[in-house]
């Protein structure tokens, strides 16, 4: 084992996943929303936060428009 390594020459390639890094935020969600995704998580075996991220990513990718109606 070397005492010192030249880090720049160890892995000169850029990280191909750097653009997919996630950013931690704080968001307020209704309990029923969280429970819904937790139920889905149990059924699929995918963590609920991942499911929420996948759903929101799909909305963004397909440019889904939000429709609101107040009754």
N, C-alpha and C. Protein backbone atom coordinates (compact mmCIF):
# COMPACT_ATOMS: atom_id res chain seq x y z
N UNK A 1 0.85 -1.17 0.00
CA UNK A 1 0.00 0.00 0.00
C UNK A 1 0.90 1.24 0.00
N UNK A 2 0.52 2.20 -0.82
CA UNK A 2 1.30 3.43 -0.90
C UNK A 2 1.01 4.34 0.29
N UNK A 3 2.00 5.11 0.64
CA UNK A 3 1.80 6.08 1.71
C UNK A 3 0.96 7.26 1.25
N UNK A 4 1.07 7.56 -0.06
CA UNK A 4 0.37 8.71 -0.61
C UNK A 4 -0.15 8.34 -2.00
N UNK A 5 -1.36 8.76 -2.32
CA UNK A 5 -1.95 8.48 -3.62
C UNK A 5 -2.20 9.79 -4.37
N UNK A 6 -2.07 9.73 -5.69
CA UNK A 6 -2.39 10.88 -6.53
C UNK A 6 -3.86 10.72 -6.92
N UNK A 7 -4.74 11.36 -6.19
CA UNK A 7 -6.19 11.21 -6.36
C UNK A 7 -6.64 11.60 -7.76
N UNK A 8 -6.06 12.60 -8.34
CA UNK A 8 -6.47 13.06 -9.68
C UNK A 8 -6.29 11.98 -10.73
N UNK A 9 -5.27 11.15 -10.57
CA UNK A 9 -5.00 10.11 -11.56
C UNK A 9 -5.66 8.77 -11.21
N UNK A 10 -6.21 8.63 -10.04
CA UNK A 10 -6.87 7.38 -9.66
C UNK A 10 -8.15 7.15 -10.46
N UNK A 11 -8.97 8.16 -10.56
CA UNK A 11 -10.23 8.04 -11.28
C UNK A 11 -10.49 9.34 -12.04
N UNK A 12 -9.89 9.47 -13.22
CA UNK A 12 -10.02 10.74 -13.95
C UNK A 12 -11.40 10.97 -14.56
N UNK A 13 -12.28 9.94 -14.59
CA UNK A 13 -13.61 10.10 -15.17
C UNK A 13 -14.52 10.87 -14.22
N UNK A 14 -15.42 11.63 -14.81
CA UNK A 14 -16.41 12.34 -14.00
C UNK A 14 -17.50 11.36 -13.58
N UNK A 15 -18.14 11.65 -12.48
CA UNK A 15 -19.21 10.81 -11.97
C UNK A 15 -20.41 10.88 -12.92
N UNK A 16 -20.81 9.75 -13.55
CA UNK A 16 -21.93 9.80 -14.49
C UNK A 16 -23.28 10.01 -13.80
N UNK A 17 -23.32 9.84 -12.49
CA UNK A 17 -24.58 9.99 -11.74
C UNK A 17 -24.70 11.34 -11.05
N UNK A 18 -23.74 12.23 -11.27
CA UNK A 18 -23.72 13.51 -10.57
C UNK A 18 -24.99 14.32 -10.82
N UNK A 19 -25.57 14.23 -12.02
CA UNK A 19 -26.77 14.99 -12.32
C UNK A 19 -28.01 14.40 -11.65
N UNK A 20 -27.92 13.16 -11.18
CA UNK A 20 -29.06 12.50 -10.56
C UNK A 20 -29.02 12.58 -9.04
N UNK A 21 -28.10 13.34 -8.49
CA UNK A 21 -28.01 13.45 -7.04
C UNK A 21 -29.28 14.09 -6.50
N UNK A 22 -29.66 13.67 -5.33
CA UNK A 22 -30.88 14.20 -4.72
C UNK A 22 -30.53 15.30 -3.73
N UNK A 23 -31.48 16.17 -3.50
CA UNK A 23 -31.32 17.27 -2.56
C UNK A 23 -32.34 17.09 -1.46
N UNK A 24 -31.89 17.15 -0.23
CA UNK A 24 -32.79 17.01 0.91
C UNK A 24 -33.53 18.31 1.13
N UNK A 25 -34.87 18.20 1.27
CA UNK A 25 -35.70 19.36 1.56
C UNK A 25 -36.67 19.00 2.68
N UNK A 26 -37.38 19.98 3.16
CA UNK A 26 -38.45 19.76 4.12
C UNK A 26 -39.75 20.12 3.43
N UNK A 27 -40.73 19.23 3.53
CA UNK A 27 -42.02 19.46 2.89
C UNK A 27 -43.12 19.00 3.84
N UNK A 28 -44.18 19.77 3.89
CA UNK A 28 -45.32 19.40 4.74
C UNK A 28 -46.35 18.66 3.90
N UNK A 29 -46.67 17.43 4.30
CA UNK A 29 -47.65 16.62 3.60
C UNK A 29 -48.75 16.21 4.57
N UNK A 30 -49.95 16.05 4.05
CA UNK A 30 -51.05 15.57 4.88
C UNK A 30 -50.77 14.14 5.32
N UNK A 31 -51.28 13.80 6.50
CA UNK A 31 -51.10 12.44 7.00
C UNK A 31 -51.66 11.40 6.04
N UNK A 32 -52.79 11.70 5.42
CA UNK A 32 -53.40 10.73 4.51
C UNK A 32 -52.52 10.48 3.29
N UNK A 33 -51.78 11.48 2.85
CA UNK A 33 -50.87 11.31 1.72
C UNK A 33 -49.72 10.39 2.13
N UNK A 34 -49.16 10.65 3.29
CA UNK A 34 -48.05 9.83 3.78
C UNK A 34 -48.51 8.39 3.99
N UNK A 35 -49.68 8.20 4.59
CA UNK A 35 -50.20 6.85 4.82
C UNK A 35 -50.44 6.13 3.50
N UNK A 36 -50.96 6.84 2.50
CA UNK A 36 -51.18 6.23 1.20
C UNK A 36 -49.88 5.69 0.61
N UNK A 37 -48.84 6.52 0.62
CA UNK A 37 -47.57 6.09 0.06
C UNK A 37 -46.90 5.01 0.91
N UNK A 38 -47.11 5.03 2.22
CA UNK A 38 -46.57 3.97 3.07
C UNK A 38 -47.26 2.64 2.76
N UNK A 39 -48.58 2.67 2.50
CA UNK A 39 -49.29 1.45 2.11
C UNK A 39 -48.76 0.93 0.78
N UNK A 40 -48.55 1.84 -0.16
CA UNK A 40 -47.99 1.45 -1.45
C UNK A 40 -46.59 0.88 -1.29
N UNK A 41 -45.84 1.44 -0.36
CA UNK A 41 -44.47 0.97 -0.10
C UNK A 41 -44.48 -0.46 0.42
N UNK A 42 -45.41 -0.76 1.31
CA UNK A 42 -45.50 -2.12 1.83
C UNK A 42 -45.88 -3.10 0.73
N UNK A 43 -46.79 -2.69 -0.15
CA UNK A 43 -47.26 -3.57 -1.22
C UNK A 43 -46.17 -3.81 -2.27
N UNK A 44 -45.33 -2.81 -2.52
CA UNK A 44 -44.33 -2.93 -3.58
C UNK A 44 -42.93 -3.27 -3.08
N UNK A 45 -42.67 -3.01 -1.80
CA UNK A 45 -41.33 -3.24 -1.27
C UNK A 45 -40.37 -2.11 -1.58
N UNK A 46 -40.91 -0.98 -2.04
CA UNK A 46 -40.11 0.20 -2.36
C UNK A 46 -40.34 1.22 -1.25
N UNK A 47 -39.30 1.85 -0.70
CA UNK A 47 -39.49 2.84 0.36
C UNK A 47 -40.45 3.96 -0.07
N UNK A 48 -41.27 4.42 0.87
CA UNK A 48 -42.31 5.39 0.53
C UNK A 48 -41.75 6.71 0.01
N UNK A 49 -40.60 7.15 0.51
CA UNK A 49 -40.02 8.39 0.01
C UNK A 49 -39.56 8.22 -1.43
N UNK A 50 -39.09 7.05 -1.77
CA UNK A 50 -38.71 6.76 -3.15
C UNK A 50 -39.93 6.79 -4.04
N UNK A 51 -41.04 6.22 -3.57
CA UNK A 51 -42.28 6.23 -4.35
C UNK A 51 -42.77 7.65 -4.59
N UNK A 52 -42.71 8.49 -3.57
CA UNK A 52 -43.13 9.89 -3.73
C UNK A 52 -42.23 10.56 -4.76
N UNK A 53 -40.93 10.33 -4.68
CA UNK A 53 -39.99 10.92 -5.63
C UNK A 53 -40.27 10.43 -7.05
N UNK A 54 -40.53 9.13 -7.21
CA UNK A 54 -40.83 8.58 -8.54
C UNK A 54 -42.10 9.20 -9.11
N UNK A 55 -43.12 9.37 -8.27
CA UNK A 55 -44.38 9.96 -8.73
C UNK A 55 -44.17 11.41 -9.17
N UNK A 56 -43.48 12.18 -8.35
CA UNK A 56 -43.23 13.59 -8.70
C UNK A 56 -42.33 13.71 -9.92
N UNK A 57 -41.34 12.82 -10.04
CA UNK A 57 -40.46 12.84 -11.21
C UNK A 57 -41.26 12.54 -12.48
N UNK A 58 -42.22 11.60 -12.39
CA UNK A 58 -43.07 11.29 -13.54
C UNK A 58 -43.92 12.49 -13.93
N UNK A 59 -44.47 13.18 -12.92
CA UNK A 59 -45.26 14.39 -13.20
C UNK A 59 -44.41 15.44 -13.91
N UNK A 60 -43.19 15.63 -13.44
CA UNK A 60 -42.31 16.63 -14.05
C UNK A 60 -41.90 16.22 -15.46
N UNK A 61 -41.58 14.93 -15.63
CA UNK A 61 -41.13 14.45 -16.94
C UNK A 61 -42.22 14.58 -18.00
N UNK A 62 -43.45 14.28 -17.59
CA UNK A 62 -44.56 14.34 -18.55
C UNK A 62 -45.28 15.69 -18.53
N UNK A 63 -44.72 16.64 -17.79
CA UNK A 63 -45.25 18.00 -17.70
C UNK A 63 -46.75 18.00 -17.42
N UNK A 64 -47.13 17.20 -16.42
CA UNK A 64 -48.54 17.14 -16.05
C UNK A 64 -48.97 18.46 -15.45
N UNK A 65 -50.12 18.93 -15.90
CA UNK A 65 -50.66 20.19 -15.42
C UNK A 65 -51.56 19.92 -14.22
N UNK A 66 -51.48 20.78 -13.25
CA UNK A 66 -52.30 20.68 -12.06
C UNK A 66 -53.66 21.32 -12.33
N UNK A 67 -54.72 20.62 -12.01
CA UNK A 67 -56.07 21.18 -12.16
C UNK A 67 -56.72 21.22 -10.78
N UNK A 68 -57.19 22.38 -10.42
CA UNK A 68 -57.84 22.56 -9.13
C UNK A 68 -59.26 23.04 -9.35
N UNK A 69 -60.14 22.54 -8.52
CA UNK A 69 -61.52 23.05 -8.55
C UNK A 69 -62.01 23.14 -7.13
N UNK A 70 -62.57 24.26 -6.79
CA UNK A 70 -63.09 24.49 -5.45
C UNK A 70 -64.59 24.33 -5.48
N UNK A 71 -65.09 23.35 -4.79
CA UNK A 71 -66.53 23.09 -4.78
C UNK A 71 -67.22 23.77 -3.63
